[in-house]
N, C-alpha and C. Protein backbone atom coordinates (compact mmCIF):
# COMPACT_ATOMS: atom_id res chain seq x y z
N MET A 1 -30.63 32.76 -5.37
CA MET A 1 -29.89 32.25 -4.27
C MET A 1 -30.73 32.04 -3.04
N ARG A 2 -31.64 32.90 -2.82
CA ARG A 2 -32.51 32.89 -1.63
C ARG A 2 -33.08 31.49 -1.43
N SER A 3 -33.66 30.96 -2.57
CA SER A 3 -34.39 29.75 -2.36
C SER A 3 -33.36 28.52 -1.97
N LEU A 4 -32.14 28.56 -2.53
CA LEU A 4 -31.20 27.58 -2.13
C LEU A 4 -30.61 27.65 -0.70
N LEU A 5 -30.61 29.08 -0.25
CA LEU A 5 -30.16 29.17 1.10
C LEU A 5 -31.35 28.81 2.07
N VAL A 6 -32.40 29.06 1.74
CA VAL A 6 -33.63 28.59 2.55
C VAL A 6 -33.62 27.16 2.64
N VAL A 7 -33.55 26.42 1.60
CA VAL A 7 -33.49 24.92 1.57
C VAL A 7 -32.21 24.46 2.47
N ALA A 8 -31.17 25.05 2.22
CA ALA A 8 -29.82 24.66 2.97
C ALA A 8 -30.14 24.86 4.50
N LEU A 9 -30.62 25.97 4.96
CA LEU A 9 -30.81 26.27 6.37
C LEU A 9 -31.89 25.39 6.88
N ALA A 10 -33.01 25.16 6.07
CA ALA A 10 -34.08 24.16 6.59
C ALA A 10 -33.59 22.83 6.69
N THR A 11 -32.67 22.41 5.89
CA THR A 11 -31.99 21.11 5.90
C THR A 11 -31.19 21.00 7.18
N LEU A 12 -30.54 22.06 7.62
CA LEU A 12 -29.65 21.99 8.84
C LEU A 12 -30.71 21.82 10.06
N VAL A 13 -31.80 22.38 10.00
CA VAL A 13 -32.75 22.14 11.27
C VAL A 13 -33.23 20.70 11.26
N LEU A 14 -33.70 20.32 10.11
CA LEU A 14 -34.40 19.08 10.13
C LEU A 14 -33.27 17.99 9.91
N THR A 15 -31.93 18.11 10.66
CA THR A 15 -30.60 17.33 10.45
C THR A 15 -30.33 18.12 11.64
N GLY A 16 -17.40 17.76 7.93
CA GLY A 16 -16.79 16.46 7.59
C GLY A 16 -15.41 16.51 6.94
N CYS A 17 -15.29 15.50 7.06
CA CYS A 17 -14.08 15.34 6.50
C CYS A 17 -13.84 14.04 5.82
N ALA A 18 -12.82 13.85 5.09
CA ALA A 18 -12.56 12.63 4.35
C ALA A 18 -11.75 11.67 5.27
N GLY A 19 -11.85 10.36 4.92
CA GLY A 19 -10.94 9.42 5.69
C GLY A 19 -11.56 9.06 7.08
N PHE A 20 -12.83 8.83 7.23
CA PHE A 20 -13.38 8.57 8.38
C PHE A 20 -12.99 7.11 8.72
N GLY A 21 -12.64 6.77 9.94
CA GLY A 21 -12.27 5.46 10.26
C GLY A 21 -13.22 4.87 11.32
N LYS A 22 -12.63 4.22 12.36
CA LYS A 22 -13.45 3.54 13.39
C LYS A 22 -14.39 4.42 14.04
N GLN A 23 -15.55 3.99 14.31
CA GLN A 23 -16.55 4.81 15.01
C GLN A 23 -16.23 4.94 16.47
N PRO A 24 -16.18 6.10 16.90
CA PRO A 24 -15.83 6.37 18.34
C PRO A 24 -17.07 6.07 19.25
N GLY A 25 -16.80 5.72 20.43
CA GLY A 25 -18.03 5.55 21.38
C GLY A 25 -18.31 6.91 22.04
N ALA A 26 -19.50 6.93 22.78
CA ALA A 26 -19.92 8.24 23.29
C ALA A 26 -18.84 8.81 24.24
N SER A 27 -18.17 8.06 25.13
CA SER A 27 -17.20 8.73 26.06
C SER A 27 -16.00 9.09 25.26
N GLU A 28 -15.73 8.61 24.05
CA GLU A 28 -14.59 9.04 23.29
C GLU A 28 -14.80 10.27 22.58
N LEU A 29 -16.17 10.76 22.38
CA LEU A 29 -16.44 11.84 21.58
C LEU A 29 -16.28 13.06 22.39
N THR A 30 -15.28 13.73 22.04
CA THR A 30 -14.87 15.04 22.78
C THR A 30 -15.66 16.29 22.08
N GLU A 31 -15.18 17.50 22.41
CA GLU A 31 -15.81 18.49 21.87
C GLU A 31 -15.36 18.74 20.40
N ASN A 32 -14.27 17.91 19.96
CA ASN A 32 -13.73 17.98 18.70
C ASN A 32 -14.22 16.70 18.00
N TRP A 33 -15.09 16.82 16.96
CA TRP A 33 -15.64 15.66 16.18
C TRP A 33 -16.11 15.98 14.81
N ALA A 34 -16.34 14.96 14.13
CA ALA A 34 -16.82 15.22 12.68
C ALA A 34 -17.91 14.10 12.31
N LEU A 35 -18.75 14.43 11.50
CA LEU A 35 -19.71 13.42 11.02
C LEU A 35 -19.91 13.53 9.52
N SER A 36 -20.27 12.50 8.78
CA SER A 36 -20.57 12.50 7.47
C SER A 36 -21.95 11.72 7.37
N GLY A 37 -22.90 12.36 6.72
CA GLY A 37 -24.19 11.63 6.46
C GLY A 37 -25.01 12.23 5.31
N LYS A 38 -26.22 11.83 5.48
CA LYS A 38 -27.27 12.28 4.45
C LYS A 38 -28.46 12.65 5.18
N MET A 39 -29.02 13.78 4.70
CA MET A 39 -30.23 14.28 5.44
C MET A 39 -31.44 14.45 4.40
N ALA A 40 -32.47 14.06 4.78
CA ALA A 40 -33.79 14.30 4.07
C ALA A 40 -34.69 15.21 4.85
N VAL A 41 -35.29 16.23 4.17
CA VAL A 41 -36.19 17.03 4.89
C VAL A 41 -37.54 17.12 3.98
N ARG A 42 -38.57 17.44 4.73
CA ARG A 42 -40.04 17.47 4.14
C ARG A 42 -40.81 18.42 4.87
N ASN A 43 -41.57 19.28 4.14
CA ASN A 43 -42.67 20.07 4.67
C ASN A 43 -43.82 19.82 3.92
N ALA A 44 -44.94 20.62 4.10
CA ALA A 44 -46.22 20.45 3.28
C ALA A 44 -45.99 20.60 1.76
N THR A 45 -44.99 21.29 1.34
CA THR A 45 -44.88 21.58 -0.03
C THR A 45 -43.64 21.12 -0.68
N GLU A 46 -42.64 20.78 -0.02
CA GLU A 46 -41.28 20.32 -0.54
C GLU A 46 -40.67 19.24 0.15
N ALA A 47 -39.83 18.54 -0.61
CA ALA A 47 -38.96 17.45 -0.09
C ALA A 47 -37.61 17.58 -0.72
N SER A 48 -36.51 17.47 0.13
CA SER A 48 -35.22 17.51 -0.30
C SER A 48 -34.28 16.54 0.34
N SER A 49 -33.13 16.20 -0.35
CA SER A 49 -32.14 15.46 0.44
C SER A 49 -30.68 16.01 0.05
N PHE A 50 -29.73 15.95 1.05
CA PHE A 50 -28.46 16.44 0.86
C PHE A 50 -27.52 15.60 1.64
N ASN A 51 -26.31 15.73 1.11
CA ASN A 51 -25.10 15.16 1.92
C ASN A 51 -24.73 16.19 2.84
N VAL A 52 -24.28 15.76 3.95
CA VAL A 52 -23.79 16.62 5.14
C VAL A 52 -22.42 16.25 5.63
N ASP A 53 -21.55 17.07 5.64
CA ASP A 53 -20.18 16.77 6.21
C ASP A 53 -19.98 17.99 7.20
N TRP A 54 -19.86 17.52 8.45
CA TRP A 54 -19.75 18.46 9.70
C TRP A 54 -18.61 18.17 10.41
N GLU A 55 -17.68 19.19 10.68
CA GLU A 55 -16.59 19.20 11.51
C GLU A 55 -16.65 20.17 12.60
N GLN A 56 -16.62 19.76 13.86
CA GLN A 56 -16.77 20.63 15.07
C GLN A 56 -15.47 20.64 15.77
N ARG A 57 -14.99 21.82 16.05
CA ARG A 57 -13.74 21.94 16.91
C ARG A 57 -14.05 22.83 18.11
N ALA A 58 -14.53 22.28 19.15
CA ALA A 58 -14.90 23.09 20.39
C ALA A 58 -16.17 23.93 19.86
N GLN A 59 -16.01 25.20 19.77
CA GLN A 59 -17.17 26.08 19.48
C GLN A 59 -17.07 26.51 17.90
N ASP A 60 -15.93 26.10 17.24
CA ASP A 60 -15.79 26.43 15.83
C ASP A 60 -16.32 25.29 15.03
N PHE A 61 -16.83 25.58 13.84
CA PHE A 61 -17.55 24.43 12.96
C PHE A 61 -17.39 24.84 11.58
N GLU A 62 -17.38 23.72 10.80
CA GLU A 62 -17.49 23.90 9.26
C GLU A 62 -18.46 22.80 8.93
N ILE A 63 -19.39 23.28 8.14
CA ILE A 63 -20.50 22.28 7.62
C ILE A 63 -20.63 22.63 6.19
N GLU A 64 -20.66 21.38 5.31
CA GLU A 64 -20.94 21.51 3.98
C GLU A 64 -22.13 20.73 3.63
N LEU A 65 -23.01 21.24 2.86
CA LEU A 65 -24.20 20.62 2.39
C LEU A 65 -24.09 20.56 0.92
N SER A 66 -24.51 19.45 0.32
CA SER A 66 -24.38 19.25 -1.14
C SER A 66 -25.33 18.33 -1.70
N GLY A 67 -25.79 18.48 -2.92
CA GLY A 67 -26.71 17.51 -3.49
C GLY A 67 -26.00 16.40 -4.09
N PRO A 68 -26.59 15.53 -4.92
CA PRO A 68 -25.97 14.38 -5.52
C PRO A 68 -24.74 14.87 -6.33
N LEU A 69 -23.63 14.22 -6.22
CA LEU A 69 -22.40 14.45 -7.03
C LEU A 69 -21.78 15.92 -6.84
N GLY A 70 -22.11 16.40 -5.40
CA GLY A 70 -21.58 17.67 -5.05
C GLY A 70 -22.22 18.75 -5.60
N GLN A 71 -23.41 18.63 -6.13
CA GLN A 71 -24.19 19.91 -6.85
C GLN A 71 -24.64 20.84 -5.76
N GLY A 72 -24.64 22.10 -6.06
CA GLY A 72 -25.18 23.08 -5.24
C GLY A 72 -24.53 23.17 -3.83
N ALA A 73 -23.15 22.99 -3.59
CA ALA A 73 -22.64 22.96 -2.41
C ALA A 73 -22.75 24.27 -1.70
N VAL A 74 -23.01 24.26 -0.35
CA VAL A 74 -23.09 25.33 0.48
C VAL A 74 -22.18 25.14 1.65
N GLN A 75 -21.36 26.11 2.00
CA GLN A 75 -20.56 26.06 3.27
C GLN A 75 -20.97 26.93 4.23
N ILE A 76 -21.05 26.45 5.48
CA ILE A 76 -21.43 27.22 6.64
C ILE A 76 -20.36 27.14 7.69
N SER A 77 -19.70 28.19 7.96
CA SER A 77 -18.52 28.10 9.04
C SER A 77 -18.92 29.10 10.10
N GLY A 78 -18.33 28.73 11.36
CA GLY A 78 -18.76 29.51 12.46
C GLY A 78 -17.75 29.44 13.57
N GLU A 79 -17.73 30.42 14.45
CA GLU A 79 -17.06 30.52 15.64
C GLU A 79 -17.92 31.45 16.52
N PRO A 80 -17.50 31.47 17.78
CA PRO A 80 -18.40 32.28 18.75
C PRO A 80 -18.41 33.78 18.09
N GLY A 81 -19.70 34.25 18.02
CA GLY A 81 -19.94 35.61 17.55
C GLY A 81 -19.96 35.77 16.09
N GLU A 82 -19.58 34.78 15.19
CA GLU A 82 -19.72 35.02 13.76
C GLU A 82 -20.02 33.61 12.98
N VAL A 83 -21.00 33.65 12.28
CA VAL A 83 -21.42 32.58 11.38
C VAL A 83 -21.57 32.88 9.99
N THR A 84 -21.01 32.32 9.00
CA THR A 84 -20.91 32.71 7.63
C THR A 84 -21.43 31.61 6.72
N LEU A 85 -22.32 31.86 5.88
CA LEU A 85 -22.80 30.94 4.92
C LEU A 85 -22.30 31.34 3.52
N THR A 86 -21.69 30.38 2.70
CA THR A 86 -21.07 30.81 1.50
C THR A 86 -21.59 29.90 0.44
N LYS A 87 -22.12 30.47 -0.60
CA LYS A 87 -22.49 29.76 -1.89
C LYS A 87 -21.89 30.33 -3.00
N GLY A 88 -20.92 29.63 -3.60
CA GLY A 88 -20.19 30.32 -4.76
C GLY A 88 -19.45 31.62 -4.20
N SER A 89 -19.70 32.79 -4.86
CA SER A 89 -19.15 34.00 -4.45
C SER A 89 -20.03 34.81 -3.45
N ASP A 90 -21.12 34.34 -3.17
CA ASP A 90 -22.23 35.03 -2.28
C ASP A 90 -21.94 34.49 -0.95
N GLN A 91 -21.92 35.53 0.10
CA GLN A 91 -21.69 35.29 1.49
C GLN A 91 -22.80 36.10 2.32
N VAL A 92 -23.29 35.50 3.48
CA VAL A 92 -24.06 36.12 4.45
C VAL A 92 -23.42 35.75 5.71
N THR A 93 -23.25 36.77 6.60
CA THR A 93 -22.63 36.59 7.94
C THR A 93 -23.49 37.24 8.99
N ARG A 94 -23.65 36.44 10.09
CA ARG A 94 -24.41 37.03 11.28
C ARG A 94 -23.68 36.52 12.50
N SER A 95 -24.32 36.80 13.75
CA SER A 95 -23.45 36.56 14.90
C SER A 95 -23.81 35.16 15.39
N THR A 96 -24.99 34.34 15.06
CA THR A 96 -25.26 33.01 15.26
C THR A 96 -26.00 32.30 14.18
N LEU A 97 -25.99 31.08 14.26
CA LEU A 97 -26.84 30.30 13.17
C LEU A 97 -28.25 30.63 13.28
N ARG A 98 -28.73 30.82 14.42
CA ARG A 98 -30.15 31.26 14.45
C ARG A 98 -30.50 32.54 13.83
N GLU A 99 -29.58 33.61 14.03
CA GLU A 99 -29.70 34.83 13.39
C GLU A 99 -29.54 34.70 11.88
N LEU A 100 -28.55 33.93 11.40
CA LEU A 100 -28.40 33.66 10.09
C LEU A 100 -29.63 33.13 9.37
N ALA A 101 -30.23 32.17 10.00
CA ALA A 101 -31.46 31.54 9.53
C ALA A 101 -32.64 32.43 9.44
N TYR A 102 -32.72 33.29 10.50
CA TYR A 102 -33.79 34.24 10.54
C TYR A 102 -33.63 35.36 9.43
N GLU A 103 -32.39 35.78 9.18
CA GLU A 103 -32.18 36.81 8.13
C GLU A 103 -32.53 36.22 6.63
N ILE A 104 -32.22 35.05 6.44
CA ILE A 104 -32.45 34.47 5.22
C ILE A 104 -33.85 33.87 4.97
N THR A 105 -34.39 33.30 6.11
CA THR A 105 -35.68 32.64 5.84
C THR A 105 -36.79 33.25 6.69
N GLU A 106 -36.49 34.20 7.55
CA GLU A 106 -37.47 34.88 8.41
C GLU A 106 -38.17 33.89 9.31
N LEU A 107 -37.47 32.79 9.55
CA LEU A 107 -38.02 31.73 10.48
C LEU A 107 -37.07 31.76 11.67
N ASP A 108 -37.68 31.57 12.87
CA ASP A 108 -36.85 31.39 14.12
C ASP A 108 -36.59 30.07 14.39
N LEU A 109 -35.41 29.60 13.83
CA LEU A 109 -35.01 28.19 13.84
C LEU A 109 -33.92 27.94 14.97
N PRO A 110 -34.07 26.81 15.64
CA PRO A 110 -33.00 26.45 16.72
C PRO A 110 -31.70 25.79 16.18
N LEU A 111 -31.05 26.41 15.29
CA LEU A 111 -29.89 25.88 14.57
C LEU A 111 -28.77 25.75 15.51
N ASP A 112 -28.66 26.56 16.53
CA ASP A 112 -27.54 26.48 17.55
C ASP A 112 -27.66 25.18 18.33
N TYR A 113 -28.78 24.56 18.39
CA TYR A 113 -28.96 23.30 19.14
C TYR A 113 -28.31 22.11 18.50
N LEU A 114 -28.06 22.05 17.28
CA LEU A 114 -27.65 20.97 16.50
C LEU A 114 -26.38 20.29 16.91
N GLN A 115 -25.31 21.12 17.33
CA GLN A 115 -24.13 20.45 17.70
C GLN A 115 -24.33 19.62 18.95
N TYR A 116 -25.40 19.79 19.68
CA TYR A 116 -25.79 18.96 20.87
C TYR A 116 -26.62 17.82 20.41
N TRP A 117 -27.66 18.23 19.68
CA TRP A 117 -28.62 17.13 19.28
C TRP A 117 -28.04 16.01 18.44
N VAL A 118 -27.03 16.17 17.60
CA VAL A 118 -26.58 15.08 16.89
C VAL A 118 -25.72 14.00 17.72
N ARG A 119 -25.36 14.61 18.99
CA ARG A 119 -24.70 13.75 19.92
C ARG A 119 -25.70 13.18 21.00
N ALA A 120 -26.95 13.31 20.78
CA ALA A 120 -28.00 12.80 21.64
C ALA A 120 -27.95 13.52 23.01
N LYS A 121 -27.65 14.88 22.93
CA LYS A 121 -27.72 15.65 24.14
C LYS A 121 -28.60 16.94 23.97
N PRO A 122 -29.28 17.25 24.93
CA PRO A 122 -30.04 18.57 24.88
C PRO A 122 -29.17 19.77 24.95
N TYR A 123 -29.51 20.84 24.20
CA TYR A 123 -28.85 22.15 24.37
C TYR A 123 -28.76 22.62 25.75
N PRO A 124 -27.72 22.94 26.24
CA PRO A 124 -27.58 23.28 27.63
C PRO A 124 -28.33 24.58 28.04
N GLY A 125 -28.89 24.62 29.19
CA GLY A 125 -29.59 25.80 29.69
C GLY A 125 -30.96 26.10 29.28
N ILE A 126 -31.49 25.18 28.37
CA ILE A 126 -32.91 25.32 27.85
C ILE A 126 -33.62 24.09 28.35
N GLU A 127 -34.79 24.29 28.92
CA GLU A 127 -35.49 23.12 29.43
C GLU A 127 -35.76 22.05 28.35
N ALA A 128 -35.57 20.81 28.69
CA ALA A 128 -35.63 19.80 27.80
C ALA A 128 -36.19 18.51 28.49
N THR A 129 -36.87 17.68 27.77
CA THR A 129 -37.22 16.30 28.30
C THR A 129 -36.41 15.26 27.54
N VAL A 130 -35.72 14.39 28.26
CA VAL A 130 -34.89 13.36 27.67
C VAL A 130 -35.42 12.06 28.07
N ASN A 131 -35.83 11.20 27.12
CA ASN A 131 -36.17 9.87 27.40
C ASN A 131 -35.11 8.82 27.03
N ARG A 132 -34.75 7.98 27.92
CA ARG A 132 -33.76 6.91 27.76
C ARG A 132 -34.30 5.57 27.80
N ASP A 133 -33.72 4.60 27.03
CA ASP A 133 -34.00 3.16 27.15
C ASP A 133 -33.55 2.77 28.39
N THR A 134 -34.56 2.03 29.15
CA THR A 134 -34.23 1.60 30.47
C THR A 134 -33.25 0.42 30.55
N ASP A 135 -32.96 -0.25 29.36
CA ASP A 135 -32.04 -1.38 29.44
C ASP A 135 -30.58 -0.97 29.19
N ASN A 136 -30.41 -0.06 28.18
CA ASN A 136 -28.95 0.35 27.81
C ASN A 136 -28.69 1.88 28.13
N GLY A 137 -29.70 2.60 28.47
CA GLY A 137 -29.35 4.11 28.82
C GLY A 137 -29.33 4.96 27.63
N GLN A 138 -29.52 4.35 26.47
CA GLN A 138 -29.29 5.26 25.10
C GLN A 138 -30.59 6.24 25.15
N VAL A 139 -30.25 7.55 24.67
CA VAL A 139 -31.33 8.42 24.42
C VAL A 139 -32.29 8.01 23.43
N GLN A 140 -33.52 7.89 23.61
CA GLN A 140 -34.49 7.61 22.73
C GLN A 140 -35.17 8.80 22.09
N SER A 141 -35.29 9.87 22.90
CA SER A 141 -35.86 11.11 22.37
C SER A 141 -35.52 12.28 23.10
N ILE A 142 -35.54 13.47 22.61
CA ILE A 142 -35.31 14.79 23.28
C ILE A 142 -36.49 15.67 22.78
N SER A 143 -37.23 16.22 23.70
CA SER A 143 -38.16 17.29 23.41
C SER A 143 -37.62 18.58 23.94
N GLN A 144 -37.53 19.58 23.03
CA GLN A 144 -36.90 20.89 23.39
C GLN A 144 -37.39 21.96 22.47
N SER A 145 -37.82 23.00 23.04
CA SER A 145 -38.17 24.23 22.23
C SER A 145 -39.25 23.93 21.16
N GLY A 146 -40.10 22.90 21.49
CA GLY A 146 -41.22 22.52 20.52
C GLY A 146 -40.79 21.42 19.57
N TRP A 147 -39.44 21.16 19.47
CA TRP A 147 -38.97 20.14 18.55
C TRP A 147 -38.98 18.78 19.21
N GLN A 148 -39.36 17.75 18.45
CA GLN A 148 -39.17 16.36 18.92
C GLN A 148 -38.07 15.65 18.20
N VAL A 149 -37.13 15.23 18.87
CA VAL A 149 -35.95 14.53 18.21
C VAL A 149 -35.92 13.15 18.60
N GLU A 150 -35.96 12.24 17.72
CA GLU A 150 -35.93 10.77 17.94
C GLU A 150 -34.63 10.20 17.47
N TYR A 151 -34.22 9.23 18.34
CA TYR A 151 -32.93 8.55 18.14
C TYR A 151 -33.26 6.98 17.89
N PRO A 152 -33.73 6.51 16.65
CA PRO A 152 -34.13 5.03 16.59
C PRO A 152 -32.98 4.05 16.28
N LEU A 153 -31.89 4.55 15.81
CA LEU A 153 -30.67 3.72 15.43
C LEU A 153 -29.44 4.31 16.07
N TYR A 154 -28.56 3.40 16.52
CA TYR A 154 -27.20 3.88 17.01
C TYR A 154 -26.13 2.90 16.48
N PHE A 155 -24.89 3.46 16.39
CA PHE A 155 -23.73 2.59 16.14
C PHE A 155 -23.33 1.96 17.46
N THR A 156 -23.25 0.69 17.55
CA THR A 156 -23.11 -0.07 18.72
C THR A 156 -21.75 -1.02 18.72
N GLU A 157 -21.03 -0.78 17.58
CA GLU A 157 -19.94 -1.79 17.27
C GLU A 157 -18.79 -1.58 18.27
N THR A 158 -18.60 -0.50 19.00
CA THR A 158 -17.53 -0.27 19.92
C THR A 158 -17.83 -0.60 21.31
N GLY A 159 -19.10 -1.07 21.63
CA GLY A 159 -19.42 -1.28 22.91
C GLY A 159 -20.10 -0.05 23.55
N GLU A 160 -19.93 1.11 23.02
CA GLU A 160 -20.62 2.21 23.29
C GLU A 160 -21.42 2.75 22.16
N SER A 161 -22.13 3.80 22.27
CA SER A 161 -22.96 4.17 21.13
C SER A 161 -23.14 5.59 20.81
N LEU A 162 -23.28 5.85 19.49
CA LEU A 162 -23.51 7.28 19.04
C LEU A 162 -24.71 7.22 18.04
N PRO A 163 -25.48 8.19 17.78
CA PRO A 163 -26.62 8.11 16.92
C PRO A 163 -26.15 7.78 15.54
N ARG A 164 -26.91 6.76 14.87
CA ARG A 164 -26.69 6.43 13.53
C ARG A 164 -27.87 7.14 12.61
N ARG A 165 -29.04 7.20 13.33
CA ARG A 165 -30.15 7.97 12.63
C ARG A 165 -30.83 8.85 13.63
N ILE A 166 -31.24 10.13 13.15
CA ILE A 166 -31.89 11.05 14.02
C ILE A 166 -33.15 11.65 13.15
N ASP A 167 -34.32 11.52 13.81
CA ASP A 167 -35.53 12.11 13.15
C ASP A 167 -35.96 13.25 13.99
N PHE A 168 -36.31 14.40 13.20
CA PHE A 168 -36.77 15.66 13.73
C PHE A 168 -38.15 15.96 13.33
N ALA A 169 -38.94 16.56 14.19
CA ALA A 169 -40.29 16.97 13.78
C ALA A 169 -40.69 18.26 14.59
N ARG A 170 -41.43 19.16 13.88
CA ARG A 170 -42.06 20.24 14.55
C ARG A 170 -42.97 20.95 13.64
N ASN A 171 -44.26 21.13 14.04
CA ASN A 171 -45.18 21.90 13.24
C ASN A 171 -45.30 21.54 11.81
N GLY A 172 -45.42 20.33 11.49
CA GLY A 172 -45.51 19.78 10.03
C GLY A 172 -44.27 19.73 9.23
N SER A 173 -43.12 20.17 9.80
CA SER A 173 -41.80 19.92 9.19
C SER A 173 -41.17 18.69 9.75
N SER A 174 -40.39 17.92 8.94
CA SER A 174 -39.77 16.85 9.46
C SER A 174 -38.67 16.59 8.68
N GLY A 175 -37.72 15.87 9.28
CA GLY A 175 -36.36 15.43 8.54
C GLY A 175 -35.76 14.19 9.19
N ARG A 176 -34.81 13.73 8.53
CA ARG A 176 -34.08 12.44 8.98
C ARG A 176 -32.56 12.77 8.56
N LEU A 177 -31.75 12.51 9.55
CA LEU A 177 -30.16 12.52 9.27
C LEU A 177 -29.80 11.15 9.58
N VAL A 178 -29.12 10.49 8.51
CA VAL A 178 -28.63 9.21 8.56
C VAL A 178 -27.03 9.49 8.59
N ILE A 179 -26.40 9.07 9.70
CA ILE A 179 -24.97 9.34 9.86
C ILE A 179 -24.19 7.99 9.28
N ARG A 180 -23.30 8.26 8.28
CA ARG A 180 -22.54 7.22 7.94
C ARG A 180 -21.29 6.88 8.82
N ASN A 181 -20.68 8.04 9.21
CA ASN A 181 -19.49 7.89 9.91
C ASN A 181 -19.20 9.02 11.09
N TRP A 182 -18.72 8.68 12.13
CA TRP A 182 -18.23 9.58 13.25
C TRP A 182 -16.84 9.56 13.33
N VAL A 183 -16.13 10.66 13.65
CA VAL A 183 -14.67 10.51 14.05
C VAL A 183 -14.52 11.57 15.24
N SER A 184 -13.66 11.17 16.11
CA SER A 184 -13.52 12.04 17.32
C SER A 184 -12.10 12.66 17.42
N GLU A 185 -11.12 12.10 16.59
CA GLU A 185 -9.83 12.76 16.78
C GLU A 185 -9.41 13.63 15.65
N LEU A 186 -9.60 14.96 15.86
CA LEU A 186 -9.34 15.92 14.80
C LEU A 186 -8.24 16.75 15.16
């Protein structure tokens, strides 16, 4: 189980619900949102890809990671002060995503930043450099806590934009999250 949990948590760093409809614009995306997509991760010795379904309701979240055809599904749920990773009948609970990752992988990973990074926002209260496109104001990249987060593609059908693809890199590890759908009304 440890190796699957390590891959699942690494996937979150280097990175739902059914029935997604129209893509919301950035101003429509509240603290309640969901996304569905696919993530690929790579380091010096391994490469993996997973489906990602993420539902965020203010500070509470549900994330499901699964391989092709739903194989190896891992659920991660959290609320302030408690985060639980479930794989089958096995569970691990800690007070933050970062602590959970450290307990399982012994790596200090900025998992708590992701609910902001997927929306092209830096994690609040931590120094970050944000680069924007001078023509449309879209975030092109965020540098924070040693991570370089790039935003090469956006959904633009609504006249506003949300990330369609996010690339992550730090210290020889990299990943890509391709978002198929966003929804803002949960």
